[in-house]
């Protein structure tokens, strides 16, 4: 009896070793596929908040924006996230200004993915989606409300549904801006019921004061939740302010895509203002090199995101 029991233990041990080797092979393969995947770099050139008084290189005129996008494109960015400003630097959702910016980017950055902002600082209600008829490649879409530093970022369900309908109508791919975990859940629900077209592209926005902080365990849970609810989704990480560098690195190391630019962060480090959007793109490129991630070309970015 003792001999039989001993044989059983050995067999079980052998099976355990075999399972361990299979798992090790699987995780090595998964890691290899993840780290060989091209990383899409999005450049958020202007935003709605920072002004030249904060950093004189922030591009606010259409011509400045086109030049900044072109330099960032040459450095490795393949998505341009765009806001437009009035002459006094205040934000606007004016479709005519968006049209001029879009035309300039198409001329000087052929193939680059153009993503227009429907954010709430630039307009109110349906005014926020007035530029969708321009048929950009992409547009940002916030699917829920949350706190911002000094106010509530309001995205009521009826407006969210209307913006989503307009994006379907004009064949615009949404970038879901997730400021909260509930936004990931809501986006997956909207995709399941047909209000959003699959596969999703979700951006984790972290570090906005009074919203979700840049916290690594939460970041990891975001990825886990998105994979569970929308297995075919692609994702991107964006860190605000001093969190930009950390979220860039987390995203690239985890096999996702990343966003950088003066909209989110006007500094290169604690003591120095960023000299350009291009400098922030180059920093993201350097992180890709650190982790052995190739930087996506515009052709690869379009293929990954299913954009013609």
Protein backbone atom coordinates (compact mmCIF):
# COMPACT_ATOMS: atom_id res chain seq x y z
CA UNK A 1 0.00 0.00 0.00
CA UNK A 2 2.80 2.37 0.82
CA UNK A 3 4.46 1.65 -2.54
CA UNK A 4 1.26 2.41 -4.48
CA UNK A 5 0.80 5.68 -2.62
CA UNK A 6 4.37 6.65 -3.43
CA UNK A 7 3.85 6.03 -7.15
CA UNK A 8 0.71 8.15 -7.13
CA UNK A 9 2.54 11.05 -5.54
CA UNK A 10 5.29 10.85 -8.16
CA UNK A 11 2.74 10.79 -11.01
CA UNK A 12 0.96 13.77 -9.56
CA UNK A 13 4.28 15.57 -9.22
CA UNK A 14 5.11 14.87 -12.86
CA UNK A 15 1.72 16.20 -13.98
CA UNK A 16 2.29 19.30 -11.89
CA UNK A 17 5.65 19.91 -13.56
CA UNK A 18 4.05 19.51 -17.00
CA UNK A 19 1.27 21.96 -16.20
CA UNK A 20 3.81 24.43 -14.89
CA UNK A 21 5.84 24.26 -18.08
CA UNK A 22 2.73 24.77 -20.20
CA UNK A 23 1.76 27.80 -18.14
CA UNK A 24 5.28 29.20 -18.33
CA UNK A 25 5.28 28.77 -22.11
CA UNK A 26 1.85 30.43 -22.35
CA UNK A 27 2.86 33.46 -20.30
CA UNK A 28 6.12 33.84 -22.22
CA UNK A 29 4.18 33.71 -25.50
CA UNK A 30 1.64 36.23 -24.21
CA UNK A 31 4.41 38.54 -23.03
CA UNK A 32 6.16 38.27 -26.41
CA UNK A 33 2.97 39.09 -28.31
CA UNK A 34 2.21 42.01 -25.99
CA UNK A 35 5.65 43.56 -26.20
CA UNK A 36 5.87 43.11 -29.98
CA UNK A 37 2.57 44.91 -30.47
CA UNK A 38 3.04 48.41 -31.92
CA UNK A 39 2.20 51.20 -29.47
CA UNK A 40 -0.05 53.99 -30.72
CA UNK A 41 0.99 57.41 -29.41
CA UNK A 42 -1.74 60.05 -29.24
CA UNK A 43 -0.75 63.70 -29.00
CA UNK A 44 -3.21 66.01 -27.21
CA UNK A 45 -1.84 69.28 -28.50
CA UNK A 46 -3.86 72.08 -26.89
CA UNK A 47 -6.87 71.26 -24.71
CA UNK A 48 -9.22 73.85 -23.29
CA UNK A 49 -7.54 75.02 -20.10
CA UNK A 50 -3.83 75.89 -20.27
CA UNK A 51 -2.94 79.23 -21.84
CA UNK A 52 0.23 80.83 -23.12
CA UNK A 53 0.58 82.54 -19.76
CA UNK A 54 1.06 79.04 -18.31
CA UNK A 55 3.44 77.87 -21.02
CA UNK A 56 4.19 80.13 -24.01
CA UNK A 57 4.62 77.21 -26.42
CA UNK A 58 1.02 76.01 -26.13
CA UNK A 59 -0.39 76.16 -29.68
CA UNK A 60 -3.67 78.07 -29.69
CA UNK A 61 -4.03 79.42 -33.23
CA UNK A 62 -4.91 77.07 -36.08
CA UNK A 63 -1.53 77.59 -37.72
CA UNK A 64 0.35 76.92 -34.48
CA UNK A 65 -1.67 73.76 -33.97
CA UNK A 66 -1.01 72.45 -37.47
CA UNK A 67 2.72 73.04 -37.05
CA UNK A 68 2.75 71.36 -33.64
CA UNK A 69 0.82 68.33 -34.92
CA UNK A 70 3.18 68.00 -37.88
CA UNK A 71 6.26 68.03 -35.63
CA UNK A 72 4.63 65.47 -33.30
CA UNK A 73 3.68 63.29 -36.27
CA UNK A 74 7.28 63.32 -37.46
CA UNK A 75 8.38 62.29 -33.94
CA UNK A 76 6.06 59.27 -33.79
CA UNK A 77 2.53 60.34 -32.83
CA UNK A 78 -0.19 58.82 -35.01
CA UNK A 79 -3.36 60.23 -33.38
CA UNK A 80 -3.95 63.94 -32.97
CA UNK A 81 -6.51 64.80 -30.28
CA UNK A 82 -7.77 68.25 -31.18
CA UNK A 83 -9.48 71.19 -29.48
CA UNK A 84 -9.83 74.63 -31.02
CA UNK A 85 -9.62 78.10 -29.48
CA UNK A 86 -10.94 81.57 -30.19
CA UNK A 87 -8.53 84.43 -30.83
CA UNK A 88 -8.57 85.26 -27.10
CA UNK A 89 -7.51 81.64 -26.29
CA UNK A 90 -10.92 80.70 -24.89
CA UNK A 91 -12.17 77.25 -25.96
CA UNK A 92 -14.84 76.80 -28.59
CA UNK A 93 -16.65 74.02 -30.47
CA UNK A 94 -16.87 76.14 -33.65
CA UNK A 95 -17.13 73.66 -36.58
CA UNK A 96 -15.47 76.16 -38.92
CA UNK A 97 -12.33 76.27 -36.80
CA UNK A 98 -12.33 72.49 -36.51
CA UNK A 99 -12.66 72.27 -40.30
CA UNK A 100 -9.61 74.49 -40.83
CA UNK A 101 -7.55 72.47 -38.37
CA UNK A 102 -8.66 69.17 -39.91
CA UNK A 103 -7.79 70.36 -43.42
CA UNK A 104 -4.35 71.49 -42.30
CA UNK A 105 -3.54 68.21 -40.57
CA UNK A 106 -4.72 66.19 -43.56
CA UNK A 107 -2.48 68.26 -45.83
CA UNK A 108 0.68 68.21 -43.74
CA UNK A 109 0.27 64.86 -41.92
CA UNK A 110 -1.20 62.46 -44.48
CA UNK A 111 -2.47 59.28 -42.84
CA UNK A 112 -2.49 60.63 -39.29
CA UNK A 113 -5.66 59.79 -37.35
CA UNK A 114 -7.59 62.97 -36.57
CA UNK A 115 -9.60 62.89 -33.37
CA UNK A 116 -11.83 65.88 -32.55
CA UNK A 117 -12.92 66.64 -29.00
CA UNK A 118 -16.58 66.72 -27.94
CA UNK A 119 -15.54 67.75 -24.43
CA UNK A 120 -17.74 69.88 -22.23
CA UNK A 121 -15.39 72.80 -21.63
CA UNK A 122 -15.72 73.95 -25.25
CA UNK A 123 -19.48 74.06 -25.58
CA UNK A 124 -22.82 73.09 -24.11
CA UNK A 125 -25.33 70.41 -25.10
CA UNK A 126 -25.45 69.37 -28.74
CA UNK A 127 -23.10 72.20 -29.63
CA UNK A 128 -20.37 69.83 -28.41
CA UNK A 129 -21.01 67.53 -31.38
CA UNK A 130 -21.45 70.14 -34.08
CA UNK A 131 -18.18 69.18 -35.75
CA UNK A 132 -19.01 65.48 -36.17
CA UNK A 133 -20.49 66.15 -39.60
CA UNK A 134 -16.91 66.87 -40.71
CA UNK A 135 -16.41 63.09 -40.49
CA UNK A 136 -13.12 63.00 -38.60
CA UNK A 137 -11.53 59.59 -38.12
CA UNK A 138 -12.31 59.69 -34.40
CA UNK A 139 -13.92 61.82 -31.71
CA UNK A 140 -13.73 61.71 -27.94
CA UNK A 141 -16.82 60.52 -26.08
CA UNK A 142 -17.42 60.69 -22.34
CA UNK A 143 -20.23 58.29 -21.41
CA UNK A 144 -20.83 59.51 -17.86
CA UNK A 145 -20.43 62.45 -15.51
CA UNK A 146 -17.76 63.00 -12.87
CA UNK A 147 -16.15 65.71 -10.77
CA UNK A 148 -13.48 68.01 -12.17
CA UNK A 149 -11.25 70.32 -10.09
CA UNK A 150 -13.83 73.10 -9.70
CA UNK A 151 -17.03 71.78 -11.25
CA UNK A 152 -19.01 68.76 -12.36
CA UNK A 153 -18.23 67.46 -15.83
CA UNK A 154 -21.79 66.83 -16.95
CA UNK A 155 -22.54 64.14 -19.52
CA UNK A 156 -26.26 63.38 -19.18
CA UNK A 157 -27.50 60.12 -20.76
CA UNK A 158 -29.58 61.82 -23.46
CA UNK A 159 -26.57 63.86 -24.67
CA UNK A 160 -24.29 60.81 -24.56
CA UNK A 161 -26.77 58.82 -26.64
CA UNK A 162 -27.11 61.67 -29.17
CA UNK A 163 -23.34 62.03 -29.55
CA UNK A 164 -23.03 58.25 -30.00
CA UNK A 165 -25.78 58.32 -32.65
CA UNK A 166 -24.01 61.10 -34.53
CA UNK A 167 -20.75 59.15 -34.48
CA UNK A 168 -22.50 56.11 -35.93
CA UNK A 169 -24.21 58.30 -38.53
CA UNK A 170 -20.96 59.89 -39.74
CA UNK A 171 -18.77 56.76 -39.30
CA UNK A 172 -16.64 58.36 -36.58
CA UNK A 173 -14.86 55.98 -34.21
CA UNK A 174 -15.34 57.06 -30.58
CA UNK A 175 -12.50 57.19 -28.11
CA UNK A 176 -14.19 56.49 -24.79
CA UNK A 177 -12.69 58.79 -22.18
CA UNK A 178 -13.01 56.89 -18.92
CA UNK A 179 -12.64 59.20 -15.94
CA UNK A 180 -14.23 56.60 -13.67
CA UNK A 181 -14.68 52.82 -13.50
CA UNK A 182 -18.40 53.20 -14.20
CA UNK A 183 -17.53 54.74 -17.59
CA UNK A 184 -15.84 51.50 -18.66
CA UNK A 185 -18.89 49.51 -17.60
CA UNK A 186 -21.25 51.91 -19.39
CA UNK A 187 -19.20 51.86 -22.60
CA UNK A 188 -19.27 48.05 -22.66
CA UNK A 189 -23.03 48.10 -22.13
CA UNK A 190 -23.51 50.61 -24.98
CA UNK A 191 -21.40 48.44 -27.27
CA UNK A 192 -23.39 45.34 -26.37
CA UNK A 193 -26.73 47.01 -27.13
CA UNK A 194 -25.54 48.60 -30.37
CA UNK A 195 -25.24 52.23 -29.35
CA UNK A 196 -21.49 52.00 -29.92
CA UNK A 197 -19.75 50.03 -32.64
CA UNK A 198 -17.35 47.28 -31.60
CA UNK A 199 -14.46 46.96 -31.00
CA UNK A 200 -14.17 49.74 -28.45
CA UNK A 201 -11.22 52.04 -27.93
CA UNK A 202 -11.08 53.15 -24.30
CA UNK A 203 -8.78 55.72 -22.74
CA UNK A 204 -8.13 55.58 -19.00
CA UNK A 205 -7.82 59.21 -17.84
CA UNK A 206 -6.09 59.35 -14.47
CA UNK A 207 -4.88 62.17 -12.25
CA UNK A 208 -7.65 64.75 -12.72
CA UNK A 209 -8.24 66.41 -9.35
CA UNK A 210 -11.46 65.12 -7.71
CA UNK A 211 -11.73 62.30 -10.27
CA UNK A 212 -9.81 59.02 -10.51
CA UNK A 213 -6.23 59.33 -9.23
CA UNK A 214 -3.22 57.84 -10.97
CA UNK A 215 -3.05 54.67 -8.89
CA UNK A 216 -1.33 51.56 -10.25
CA UNK A 217 -3.62 48.94 -8.65
CA UNK A 218 -6.66 50.83 -9.97
CA UNK A 219 -5.00 51.07 -13.40
CA UNK A 220 -4.45 47.31 -13.40
CA UNK A 221 -8.06 46.73 -12.38
CA UNK A 222 -9.21 48.98 -15.24
CA UNK A 223 -7.35 46.72 -17.69
CA UNK A 224 -8.76 43.57 -16.08
CA UNK A 225 -12.31 44.97 -16.14
CA UNK A 226 -12.12 46.07 -19.77
CA UNK A 227 -10.74 42.68 -20.86
CA UNK A 228 -13.59 40.95 -19.04
CA UNK A 229 -16.40 43.17 -20.35
CA UNK A 230 -15.02 43.93 -23.84
CA UNK A 231 -12.35 41.33 -24.71
CA UNK A 232 -11.74 42.74 -28.19
CA UNK A 233 -11.27 46.35 -27.03
CA UNK A 234 -8.06 48.34 -27.38
CA UNK A 235 -7.07 50.74 -24.63
CA UNK A 236 -4.89 53.76 -23.97
CA UNK A 237 -3.62 55.46 -20.81
CA UNK A 238 -3.50 59.21 -20.20
CA UNK A 239 -2.03 60.78 -17.08
CA UNK A 240 -2.77 64.38 -16.16
CA UNK A 241 -0.14 66.80 -14.84
CA UNK A 242 2.78 65.21 -13.05
CA UNK A 243 1.13 61.81 -13.54
CA UNK A 244 1.70 61.85 -17.30
CA UNK A 245 5.08 60.15 -17.28
CA UNK A 246 3.99 57.39 -14.88
CA UNK A 247 0.83 56.56 -16.83
CA UNK A 248 2.79 56.61 -20.10
CA UNK A 249 5.14 54.01 -18.66
CA UNK A 250 2.40 51.86 -17.10
CA UNK A 251 0.52 51.78 -20.41
CA UNK A 252 3.50 50.95 -22.57
CA UNK A 253 4.79 48.30 -20.16
CA UNK A 254 1.34 46.65 -20.02
CA UNK A 255 1.00 46.41 -23.80
CA UNK A 256 -1.48 49.24 -24.28
CA UNK A 257 -1.32 52.56 -26.09
CA UNK A 258 -0.66 55.97 -24.58
CA UNK A 259 -1.44 59.67 -24.80
CA UNK A 260 0.81 62.62 -24.12
CA UNK A 261 0.88 66.34 -24.91
CA UNK A 262 0.49 69.84 -23.54
CA UNK A 263 -3.25 69.48 -23.01
CA UNK A 264 -2.60 67.12 -20.12
CA UNK A 265 0.73 68.38 -18.85
CA UNK A 266 2.69 71.58 -19.51
CA UNK A 267 5.89 70.50 -17.77
CA UNK A 268 8.80 68.28 -18.73
CA UNK A 269 9.67 67.83 -15.07
CA UNK A 270 9.17 69.60 -11.76
CA UNK A 271 11.55 72.41 -12.63
CA UNK A 272 11.12 72.81 -16.38
CA UNK A 273 8.26 73.64 -18.71
CA UNK A 274 7.86 71.33 -21.68
CA UNK A 275 9.52 73.00 -24.68
CA UNK A 276 7.01 71.51 -27.14
CA UNK A 277 4.48 68.78 -27.76
CA UNK A 278 7.23 67.02 -29.70
CA UNK A 279 9.40 66.74 -26.59
CA UNK A 280 6.60 64.88 -24.82
CA UNK A 281 6.11 62.57 -27.81
CA UNK A 282 9.83 61.80 -27.87
CA UNK A 283 9.70 60.94 -24.19
CA UNK A 284 6.94 58.39 -24.90
CA UNK A 285 9.00 57.00 -27.81
CA UNK A 286 11.94 56.56 -25.44
CA UNK A 287 9.77 54.55 -23.06
CA UNK A 288 8.68 52.34 -25.95
CA UNK A 289 12.34 51.68 -26.70
CA UNK A 290 12.97 50.89 -23.04
CA UNK A 291 10.35 48.13 -23.10
CA UNK A 292 11.09 46.93 -26.61
CA UNK A 293 7.76 48.15 -27.97
CA UNK A 294 7.71 49.30 -31.59
CA UNK A 295 6.04 52.68 -32.15
CA UNK A 296 3.04 52.29 -34.43
CA UNK A 297 3.15 53.85 -37.87
CA UNK A 298 0.00 55.56 -39.06
CA UNK A 299 -0.76 52.49 -41.20
CA UNK A 300 -0.42 50.18 -38.20
CA UNK A 301 -2.49 52.49 -36.00
CA UNK A 302 -5.32 52.50 -38.52
CA UNK A 303 -5.17 48.72 -38.79
CA UNK A 304 -5.20 48.22 -35.00
CA UNK A 305 -8.18 50.57 -34.59
CA UNK A 306 -10.05 49.37 -37.70
CA UNK A 307 -10.02 52.83 -39.27
CA UNK A 308 -9.85 52.99 -43.05
